[in-house]
Amino acid sequence: MLFAIGHQIRVERKRRKITQQQIASDLGMSRATISQIEQGTVQDIGVRKLIRILEYLGLELCVRPTGMPPTLDELLKEREQA
């Protein structure tokens, strides 16, 4: 799951032409932490820190039961991002 979240963070960051260092500086984090989050290799990340990154990029975290098919809104968003 963290890999998928990290991937979406990277996609949106690049789409907005923002560097890892810019996010890190603006949010008071290290560039290495941002990189590890994007790669899905971060050992320990707090929810608040993750939410700050998502909000910075205009993203949100959604929770739903495992195995549920994507909603129409989710499919439309994926299509817009592609």
PDB file of N, CA and C in Angstrom:
ATOM      1  N   MET A   1       0.823  -1.189   0.000  1.00  0.00           N
ATOM      2  CA  MET A   1       0.000   0.000   0.000  1.00  0.00           C
ATOM      3  C   MET A   1       0.873   1.262   0.000  1.00  0.00           C
ATOM      4  N   LEU A   2       1.939   1.271   0.823  1.00  0.00           N
ATOM      5  CA  LEU A   2       2.799   2.457   0.858  1.00  0.00           C
ATOM      6  C   LEU A   2       3.459   2.700  -0.492  1.00  0.00           C
ATOM      7  N   PHE A   3       3.747   1.612  -1.219  1.00  0.00           N
ATOM      8  CA  PHE A   3       4.331   1.774  -2.546  1.00  0.00           C
ATOM      9  C   PHE A   3       3.358   2.514  -3.465  1.00  0.00           C
ATOM     10  N   ALA A   4       2.079   2.142  -3.429  1.00  0.00           N
ATOM     11  CA  ALA A   4       1.075   2.788  -4.282  1.00  0.00           C
ATOM     12  C   ALA A   4       0.888   4.250  -3.902  1.00  0.00           C
ATOM     13  N   ILE A   5       0.879   4.543  -2.606  1.00  0.00           N
ATOM     14  CA  ILE A   5       0.748   5.931  -2.152  1.00  0.00           C
ATOM     15  C   ILE A   5       1.962   6.731  -2.600  1.00  0.00           C
ATOM     16  N   GLY A   6       3.144   6.159  -2.402  1.00  0.00           N
ATOM     17  CA  GLY A   6       4.372   6.832  -2.816  1.00  0.00           C
ATOM     18  C   GLY A   6       4.403   7.103  -4.301  1.00  0.00           C
ATOM     19  N   HIS A   7       3.920   6.133  -5.074  1.00  0.00           N
ATOM     20  CA  HIS A   7       3.879   6.308  -6.534  1.00  0.00           C
ATOM     21  C   HIS A   7       2.984   7.486  -6.912  1.00  0.00           C
ATOM     22  N   GLN A   8       1.821   7.578  -6.294  1.00  0.00           N
ATOM     23  CA  GLN A   8       0.909   8.683  -6.593  1.00  0.00           C
ATOM     24  C   GLN A   8       1.501  10.028  -6.170  1.00  0.00           C
ATOM     25  N   ILE A   9       2.219  10.038  -5.055  1.00  0.00           N
ATOM     26  CA  ILE A   9       2.882  11.269  -4.617  1.00  0.00           C
ATOM     27  C   ILE A   9       3.903  11.689  -5.664  1.00  0.00           C
ATOM     28  N   ARG A  10       4.714  10.746  -6.133  1.00  0.00           N
ATOM     29  CA  ARG A  10       5.730  11.055  -7.154  1.00  0.00           C
ATOM     30  C   ARG A  10       5.087  11.561  -8.448  1.00  0.00           C
ATOM     31  N   VAL A  11       4.046  10.885  -8.887  1.00  0.00           N
ATOM     32  CA  VAL A  11       3.365  11.294 -10.130  1.00  0.00           C
ATOM     33  C   VAL A  11       2.853  12.732 -10.013  1.00  0.00           C
ATOM     34  N   GLU A  12       2.200  13.036  -8.909  1.00  0.00           N
ATOM     35  CA  GLU A  12       1.639  14.383  -8.742  1.00  0.00           C
ATOM     36  C   GLU A  12       2.738  15.424  -8.568  1.00  0.00           C
ATOM     37  N   ARG A  13       3.800  15.091  -7.847  1.00  0.00           N
ATOM     38  CA  ARG A  13       4.909  16.029  -7.660  1.00  0.00           C
ATOM     39  C   ARG A  13       5.535  16.379  -9.007  1.00  0.00           C
ATOM     40  N   LYS A  14       5.775  15.372  -9.821  1.00  0.00           N
ATOM     41  CA  LYS A  14       6.371  15.610 -11.140  1.00  0.00           C
ATOM     42  C   LYS A  14       5.414  16.372 -12.043  1.00  0.00           C
ATOM     43  N   ARG A  15       4.129  16.050 -11.950  1.00  0.00           N
ATOM     44  CA  ARG A  15       3.139  16.756 -12.769  1.00  0.00           C
ATOM     45  C   ARG A  15       3.147  18.245 -12.443  1.00  0.00           C
ATOM     46  N   ARG A  16       3.341  18.561 -11.180  1.00  0.00           N
ATOM     47  CA  ARG A  16       3.359  19.957 -10.737  1.00  0.00           C
ATOM     48  C   ARG A  16       4.746  20.597 -10.861  1.00  0.00           C
ATOM     49  N   LYS A  17       5.726  19.793 -11.308  1.00  0.00           N
ATOM     50  CA  LYS A  17       7.103  20.276 -11.489  1.00  0.00           C
ATOM     51  C   LYS A  17       7.694  20.807 -10.175  1.00  0.00           C
ATOM     52  N   ILE A  18       7.508  20.020  -9.122  1.00  0.00           N
ATOM     53  CA  ILE A  18       8.034  20.344  -7.799  1.00  0.00           C
ATOM     54  C   ILE A  18       9.139  19.337  -7.489  1.00  0.00           C
ATOM     55  N   THR A  19      10.236  19.805  -6.932  1.00  0.00           N
ATOM     56  CA  THR A  19      11.317  18.898  -6.574  1.00  0.00           C
ATOM     57  C   THR A  19      11.072  18.291  -5.196  1.00  0.00           C
ATOM     58  N   GLN A  20      11.732  17.163  -4.963  1.00  0.00           N
ATOM     59  CA  GLN A  20      11.672  16.555  -3.638  1.00  0.00           C
ATOM     60  C   GLN A  20      12.220  17.531  -2.599  1.00  0.00           C
ATOM     61  N   GLN A  21      13.286  18.247  -2.959  1.00  0.00           N
ATOM     62  CA  GLN A  21      13.892  19.187  -2.027  1.00  0.00           C
ATOM     63  C   GLN A  21      12.938  20.321  -1.676  1.00  0.00           C
ATOM     64  N   GLN A  22      12.157  20.769  -2.648  1.00  0.00           N
ATOM     65  CA  GLN A  22      11.195  21.846  -2.388  1.00  0.00           C
ATOM     66  C   GLN A  22      10.135  21.397  -1.389  1.00  0.00           C
ATOM     67  N   ILE A  23       9.592  20.204  -1.582  1.00  0.00           N
ATOM     68  CA  ILE A  23       8.605  19.681  -0.634  1.00  0.00           C
ATOM     69  C   ILE A  23       9.237  19.542   0.750  1.00  0.00           C
ATOM     70  N   ALA A  24      10.424  18.953   0.787  1.00  0.00           N
ATOM     71  CA  ALA A  24      11.109  18.734   2.055  1.00  0.00           C
ATOM     72  C   ALA A  24      11.329  20.056   2.785  1.00  0.00           C
ATOM     73  N   SER A  25      11.817  21.054   2.082  1.00  0.00           N
ATOM     74  CA  SER A  25      12.073  22.362   2.698  1.00  0.00           C
ATOM     75  C   SER A  25      10.790  23.008   3.183  1.00  0.00           C
ATOM     76  N   ASP A  26       9.771  22.991   2.351  1.00  0.00           N
ATOM     77  CA  ASP A  26       8.501  23.631   2.697  1.00  0.00           C
ATOM     78  C   ASP A  26       7.818  22.961   3.894  1.00  0.00           C
ATOM     79  N   LEU A  27       8.014  21.647   4.043  1.00  0.00           N
ATOM     80  CA  LEU A  27       7.337  20.905   5.110  1.00  0.00           C
ATOM     81  C   LEU A  27       8.254  20.567   6.282  1.00  0.00           C
ATOM     82  N   GLY A  28       9.507  20.994   6.224  1.00  0.00           N
ATOM     83  CA  GLY A  28      10.432  20.729   7.322  1.00  0.00           C
ATOM     84  C   GLY A  28      10.822  19.274   7.455  1.00  0.00           C
ATOM     85  N   MET A  29      10.977  18.611   6.317  1.00  0.00           N
ATOM     86  CA  MET A  29      11.378  17.205   6.295  1.00  0.00           C
ATOM     87  C   MET A  29      12.676  17.089   5.513  1.00  0.00           C
ATOM     88  N   SER A  30      13.265  15.906   5.537  1.00  0.00           N
ATOM     89  CA  SER A  30      14.470  15.694   4.729  1.00  0.00           C
ATOM     90  C   SER A  30      14.078  15.237   3.328  1.00  0.00           C
ATOM     91  N   ARG A  31      14.940  15.544   2.361  1.00  0.00           N
ATOM     92  CA  ARG A  31      14.709  15.093   0.996  1.00  0.00           C
ATOM     93  C   ARG A  31      14.758  13.567   0.953  1.00  0.00           C
ATOM     94  N   ALA A  32      15.607  12.962   1.785  1.00  0.00           N
ATOM     95  CA  ALA A  32      15.710  11.503   1.825  1.00  0.00           C
ATOM     96  C   ALA A  32      14.379  10.870   2.243  1.00  0.00           C
ATOM     97  N   THR A  33      13.686  11.498   3.184  1.00  0.00           N
ATOM     98  CA  THR A  33      12.387  10.982   3.622  1.00  0.00           C
ATOM     99  C   THR A  33      11.384  11.032   2.475  1.00  0.00           C
ATOM    100  N   ILE A  34      11.345  12.152   1.753  1.00  0.00           N
ATOM    101  CA  ILE A  34      10.431  12.269   0.610  1.00  0.00           C
ATOM    102  C   ILE A  34      10.756  11.197  -0.418  1.00  0.00           C
ATOM    103  N   SER A  35      12.029  10.997  -0.698  1.00  0.00           N
ATOM    104  CA  SER A  35      12.455   9.981  -1.658  1.00  0.00           C
ATOM    105  C   SER A  35      12.025   8.586  -1.216  1.00  0.00           C
ATOM    106  N   GLN A  36      12.231   8.266   0.057  1.00  0.00           N
ATOM    107  CA  GLN A  36      11.851   6.946   0.569  1.00  0.00           C
ATOM    108  C   GLN A  36      10.345   6.739   0.518  1.00  0.00           C
ATOM    109  N   ILE A  37       9.586   7.773   0.787  1.00  0.00           N
ATOM    110  CA  ILE A  37       8.128   7.666   0.699  1.00  0.00           C
ATOM    111  C   ILE A  37       7.723   7.364  -0.736  1.00  0.00           C
ATOM    112  N   GLU A  38       8.295   8.106  -1.677  1.00  0.00           N
ATOM    113  CA  GLU A  38       7.960   7.895  -3.089  1.00  0.00           C
ATOM    114  C   GLU A  38       8.342   6.499  -3.566  1.00  0.00           C
ATOM    115  N   GLN A  39       9.429   5.958  -3.040  1.00  0.00           N
ATOM    116  CA  GLN A  39       9.888   4.633  -3.444  1.00  0.00           C
ATOM    117  C   GLN A  39       9.193   3.504  -2.678  1.00  0.00           C
ATOM    118  N   GLY A  40       8.454   3.867  -1.629  1.00  0.00           N
ATOM    119  CA  GLY A  40       7.783   2.859  -0.819  1.00  0.00           C
ATOM    120  C   GLY A  40       8.733   2.116   0.095  1.00  0.00           C
ATOM    121  N   THR A  41       9.893   2.711   0.376  1.00  0.00           N
ATOM    122  CA  THR A  41      10.894   2.052   1.213  1.00  0.00           C
ATOM    123  C   THR A  41      11.048   2.700   2.580  1.00  0.00           C
ATOM    124  N   VAL A  42      10.226   3.681   2.887  1.00  0.00           N
ATOM    125  CA  VAL A  42      10.336   4.360   4.181  1.00  0.00           C
ATOM    126  C   VAL A  42      10.045   3.362   5.290  1.00  0.00           C
ATOM    127  N   GLN A  43      10.884   3.367   6.317  1.00  0.00           N
ATOM    128  CA  GLN A  43      10.747   2.409   7.406  1.00  0.00           C
ATOM    129  C   GLN A  43       9.604   2.765   8.347  1.00  0.00           C
ATOM    130  N   ASP A  44       9.482   4.050   8.644  1.00  0.00           N
ATOM    131  CA  ASP A  44       8.465   4.473   9.600  1.00  0.00           C
ATOM    132  C   ASP A  44       8.000   5.875   9.231  1.00  0.00           C
ATOM    133  N   ILE A  45       6.724   6.033   8.975  1.00  0.00           N
ATOM    134  CA  ILE A  45       6.174   7.345   8.604  1.00  0.00           C
ATOM    135  C   ILE A  45       4.896   7.564   9.395  1.00  0.00           C
ATOM    136  N   GLY A  46       4.809   8.709  10.027  1.00  0.00           N
ATOM    137  CA  GLY A  46       3.603   9.036  10.766  1.00  0.00           C
ATOM    138  C   GLY A  46       2.482   9.454   9.828  1.00  0.00           C
ATOM    139  N   VAL A  47       1.267   9.191  10.233  1.00  0.00           N
ATOM    140  CA  VAL A  47       0.109   9.535   9.410  1.00  0.00           C
ATOM    141  C   VAL A  47       0.039  11.048   9.195  1.00  0.00           C
ATOM    142  N   ARG A  48       0.311  11.820  10.214  1.00  0.00           N
ATOM    143  CA  ARG A  48       0.246  13.282  10.070  1.00  0.00           C
ATOM    144  C   ARG A  48       1.243  13.785   9.040  1.00  0.00           C
ATOM    145  N   LYS A  49       2.433  13.214   9.051  1.00  0.00           N
ATOM    146  CA  LYS A  49       3.462  13.621   8.083  1.00  0.00           C
ATOM    147  C   LYS A  49       3.007  13.264   6.669  1.00  0.00           C
ATOM    148  N   LEU A  50       2.461  12.073   6.504  1.00  0.00           N
ATOM    149  CA  LEU A  50       1.978  11.639   5.199  1.00  0.00           C
ATOM    150  C   LEU A  50       0.839  12.537   4.727  1.00  0.00           C
ATOM    151  N   ILE A  51      -0.084  12.861   5.610  1.00  0.00           N
ATOM    152  CA  ILE A  51      -1.214  13.720   5.245  1.00  0.00           C
ATOM    153  C   ILE A  51      -0.725  15.119   4.858  1.00  0.00           C
ATOM    154  N   ARG A  52       0.298  15.642   5.540  1.00  0.00           N
ATOM    155  CA  ARG A  52       0.851  16.953   5.181  1.00  0.00           C
ATOM    156  C   ARG A  52       1.395  16.949   3.756  1.00  0.00           C
ATOM    157  N   ILE A  53       2.076  15.877   3.383  1.00  0.00           N
ATOM    158  CA  ILE A  53       2.603  15.764   2.020  1.00  0.00           C
ATOM    159  C   ILE A  53       1.460  15.701   1.022  1.00  0.00           C
ATOM    160  N   LEU A  54       0.457  14.876   1.315  1.00  0.00           N
ATOM    161  CA  LEU A  54      -0.686  14.748   0.412  1.00  0.00           C
ATOM    162  C   LEU A  54      -1.409  16.083   0.244  1.00  0.00           C
ATOM    163  N   GLU A  55      -1.649  16.779   1.342  1.00  0.00           N
ATOM    164  CA  GLU A  55      -2.325  18.079   1.266  1.00  0.00           C
ATOM    165  C   GLU A  55      -1.496  19.085   0.485  1.00  0.00           C
ATOM    166  N   TYR A  56      -0.203  19.070   0.676  1.00  0.00           N
ATOM    167  CA  TYR A  56       0.705  19.962  -0.053  1.00  0.00           C
ATOM    168  C   TYR A  56       0.530  19.793  -1.562  1.00  0.00           C
ATOM    169  N   LEU A  57       0.312  18.552  -1.979  1.00  0.00           N
ATOM    170  CA  LEU A  57       0.165  18.243  -3.399  1.00  0.00           C
ATOM    171  C   LEU A  57      -1.285  18.238  -3.876  1.00  0.00           C
ATOM    172  N   GLY A  58      -2.216  18.564  -2.978  1.00  0.00           N
ATOM    173  CA  GLY A  58      -3.626  18.578  -3.365  1.00  0.00           C
ATOM    174  C   GLY A  58      -4.218  17.193  -3.502  1.00  0.00           C
ATOM    175  N   LEU A  59      -3.676  16.234  -2.758  1.00  0.00           N
ATOM    176  CA  LEU A  59      -4.174  14.862  -2.781  1.00  0.00           C
ATOM    177  C   LEU A  59      -4.847  14.553  -1.456  1.00  0.00           C
ATOM    178  N   GLU A  60      -5.599  13.469  -1.417  1.00  0.00           N
ATOM    179  CA  GLU A  60      -6.223  13.043  -0.168  1.00  0.00           C
ATOM    180  C   GLU A  60      -6.108  11.538  -0.026  1.00  0.00           C
ATOM    181  N   LEU A  61      -6.140  11.079   1.193  1.00  0.00           N
ATOM    182  CA  LEU A  61      -6.079   9.662   1.500  1.00  0.00           C
ATOM    183  C   LEU A  61      -7.500   9.153   1.704  1.00  0.00           C
ATOM    184  N   CYS A  62      -7.859   8.092   1.006  1.00  0.00           N
ATOM    185  CA  CYS A  62      -9.204   7.523   1.120  1.00  0.00           C
ATOM    186  C   CYS A  62      -9.096   6.113   1.691  1.00  0.00           C
ATOM    187  N   VAL A  63     -10.046   5.751   2.530  1.00  0.00           N
ATOM    188  CA  VAL A  63     -10.072   4.425   3.141  1.00  0.00           C
ATOM    189  C   VAL A  63     -11.338   3.720   2.680  1.00  0.00           C
ATOM    190  N   ARG A  64     -11.164   2.457   2.269  1.00  0.00           N
ATOM    191  CA  ARG A  64     -12.325   1.668   1.875  1.00  0.00           C
ATOM    192  C   ARG A  64     -12.017   0.211   2.120  1.00  0.00           C
ATOM    193  N   PRO A  65     -13.026  -0.630   2.185  1.00  0.00           N
ATOM    194  CA  PRO A  65     -12.788  -2.050   2.446  1.00  0.00           C
ATOM    195  C   PRO A  65     -11.915  -2.692   1.369  1.00  0.00           C
ATOM    196  N   THR A  66     -11.079  -3.611   1.794  1.00  0.00           N
ATOM    197  CA  THR A  66     -10.206  -4.341   0.883  1.00  0.00           C
ATOM    198  C   THR A  66     -11.037  -5.120  -0.134  1.00  0.00           C
ATOM    199  N   GLY A  67     -10.585  -5.098  -1.366  1.00  0.00           N
ATOM    200  CA  GLY A  67     -11.237  -5.878  -2.406  1.00  0.00           C
ATOM    201  C   GLY A  67     -12.424  -5.214  -3.067  1.00  0.00           C
ATOM    202  N   MET A  68     -12.806  -4.048  -2.576  1.00  0.00           N
ATOM    203  CA  MET A  68     -13.931  -3.343  -3.191  1.00  0.00           C
ATOM    204  C   MET A  68     -13.489  -2.800  -4.548  1.00  0.00           C
ATOM    205  N   PRO A  69     -14.340  -2.894  -5.556  1.00  0.00           N
ATOM    206  CA  PRO A  69     -13.975  -2.326  -6.854  1.00  0.00           C
ATOM    207  C   PRO A  69     -13.914  -0.802  -6.754  1.00  0.00           C
ATOM    208  N   PRO A  70     -13.130  -0.166  -7.617  1.00  0.00           N
ATOM    209  CA  PRO A  70     -13.050   1.296  -7.571  1.00  0.00           C
ATOM    210  C   PRO A  70     -14.403   1.930  -7.881  1.00  0.00           C
ATOM    211  N   THR A  71     -14.611   3.099  -7.303  1.00  0.00           N
ATOM    212  CA  THR A  71     -15.841   3.841  -7.579  1.00  0.00           C
ATOM    213  C   THR A  71     -15.721   4.521  -8.935  1.00  0.00           C
ATOM    214  N   LEU A  72     -16.818   5.010  -9.444  1.00  0.00           N
ATOM    215  CA  LEU A  72     -16.815   5.727 -10.712  1.00  0.00           C
ATOM    216  C   LEU A  72     -15.917   6.960 -10.611  1.00  0.00           C
ATOM    217  N   ASP A  73     -15.993   7.674  -9.495  1.00  0.00           N
ATOM    218  CA  ASP A  73     -15.140   8.848  -9.303  1.00  0.00           C
ATOM    219  C   ASP A  73     -13.665   8.476  -9.351  1.00  0.00           C
ATOM    220  N   GLU A  74     -13.302   7.369  -8.725  1.00  0.00           N
ATOM    221  CA  GLU A  74     -11.901   6.922  -8.728  1.00  0.00           C
ATOM    222  C   GLU A  74     -11.454   6.577 -10.138  1.00  0.00           C
ATOM    223  N   LEU A  75     -12.288   5.909 -10.889  1.00  0.00           N
ATOM    224  CA  LEU A  75     -11.942   5.554 -12.266  1.00  0.00           C
ATOM    225  C   LEU A  75     -11.781   6.806 -13.131  1.00  0.00           C
ATOM    226  N   LEU A  76     -12.656   7.774 -12.929  1.00  0.00           N
ATOM    227  CA  LEU A  76     -12.566   9.019 -13.697  1.00  0.00           C
ATOM    228  C   LEU A  76     -11.291   9.779 -13.358  1.00  0.00           C
ATOM    229  N   LYS A  77     -10.927   9.823 -12.072  1.00  0.00           N
ATOM    230  CA  LYS A  77      -9.693  10.499 -11.666  1.00  0.00           C
ATOM    231  C   LYS A  77      -8.479   9.816 -12.269  1.00  0.00           C
ATOM    232  N   GLU A  78      -8.470   8.491 -12.256  1.00  0.00           N
ATOM    233  CA  GLU A  78      -7.349   7.745 -12.855  1.00  0.00           C
ATOM    234  C   GLU A  78      -7.247   8.059 -14.336  1.00  0.00           C
ATOM    235  N   ARG A  79      -8.374   8.144 -14.993  1.00  0.00           N
ATOM    236  CA  ARG A  79      -8.384   8.423 -16.434  1.00  0.00           C
ATOM    237  C   ARG A  79      -7.849   9.823 -16.709  1.00  0.00           C
ATOM    238  N   GLU A  80      -8.207  10.801 -15.848  1.00  0.00           N
ATOM    239  CA  GLU A  80      -7.720  12.165 -16.009  1.00  0.00           C
ATOM    240  C   GLU A  80      -6.221  12.245 -15.815  1.00  0.00           C
ATOM    241  N   GLN A  81      -5.676  11.436 -14.917  1.00  0.00           N
ATOM    242  CA  GLN A  81      -4.256  11.476 -14.613  1.00  0.00           C
ATOM    243  C   GLN A  81      -3.430  10.772 -15.660  1.00  0.00           C
ATOM    244  N   ALA A  82      -4.031   9.910 -16.416  1.00  0.00           N
ATOM    245  CA  ALA A  82      -3.279   9.127 -17.421  1.00  0.00           C
ATOM    246  C   ALA A  82      -2.931   9.941 -18.641  1.00  0.00           C
TER     247      ALA A  82
END
